[in-house]
Protein backbone atom coordinates (compact mmCIF):
# COMPACT_ATOMS: atom_id res chain seq x y z
CA UNK A 1 30.13 -7.28 -58.68
CA UNK A 2 27.86 -9.02 -56.13
CA UNK A 3 24.54 -8.10 -56.54
CA UNK A 4 23.40 -8.69 -52.89
CA UNK A 5 22.59 -12.56 -53.10
CA UNK A 6 25.07 -15.28 -51.77
CA UNK A 7 26.74 -16.49 -54.94
CA UNK A 8 24.90 -14.13 -57.31
CA UNK A 9 27.21 -11.91 -59.51
CA UNK A 10 26.62 -9.90 -62.57
CA UNK A 11 29.64 -9.20 -65.08
CA UNK A 12 29.42 -6.25 -67.63
CA UNK A 13 32.14 -5.24 -70.23
CA UNK A 14 32.15 -1.67 -71.54
CA UNK A 15 34.61 0.93 -72.82
CA UNK A 16 35.42 4.30 -71.34
CA UNK A 17 34.02 5.76 -74.57
CA UNK A 18 30.89 3.83 -74.02
CA UNK A 19 30.56 5.49 -70.69
CA UNK A 20 31.13 8.97 -72.21
CA UNK A 21 34.63 9.47 -70.94
CA UNK A 22 36.13 12.62 -72.83
CA UNK A 23 39.60 11.40 -72.70
CA UNK A 24 41.02 13.66 -69.59
CA UNK A 25 43.56 12.16 -67.22
CA UNK A 26 44.45 11.88 -63.60
CA UNK A 27 42.00 12.31 -60.89
CA UNK A 28 39.34 13.42 -63.34
CA UNK A 29 39.27 9.69 -64.45
CA UNK A 30 38.97 8.40 -60.98
CA UNK A 31 36.03 10.87 -60.41
CA UNK A 32 34.41 9.93 -63.62
CA UNK A 33 34.45 6.19 -62.76
CA UNK A 34 33.23 6.71 -59.23
CA UNK A 35 30.36 8.46 -60.87
CA UNK A 36 29.69 5.85 -63.36
CA UNK A 37 29.91 3.08 -60.66
CA UNK A 38 27.33 5.16 -58.54
CA UNK A 39 24.92 5.35 -61.54
CA UNK A 40 25.47 1.79 -62.54
CA UNK A 41 24.77 0.65 -59.01
CA UNK A 42 21.24 2.95 -58.84
CA UNK A 43 20.24 1.32 -61.95
CA UNK A 44 21.07 -2.29 -61.18
CA UNK A 45 20.99 -2.92 -57.46
CA UNK A 46 17.90 -3.14 -55.44
CA UNK A 47 18.89 -1.92 -51.97
CA UNK A 48 15.46 -2.12 -50.53
CA UNK A 49 14.46 -4.09 -47.44
CA UNK A 50 11.58 -4.78 -45.19
CA UNK A 51 10.83 -6.86 -42.23
CA UNK A 52 9.37 -10.08 -42.88
CA UNK A 53 5.83 -10.59 -41.54
CA UNK A 54 5.06 -6.88 -41.57
CA UNK A 55 3.01 -5.08 -44.32
CA UNK A 56 5.20 -3.25 -46.75
């Protein structure tokens, strides 16, 4: 996954069990992975911004 800087990436390996998956199938898995991705993004990607030269 790109973390927002040119050429910067971060790779993590994990299992569904590690994420808390309970073994359901189909669209439940897709929804679970979408939610897990959202949580990972919130915890690991700084999406803040500011205009250089102005007080933060």
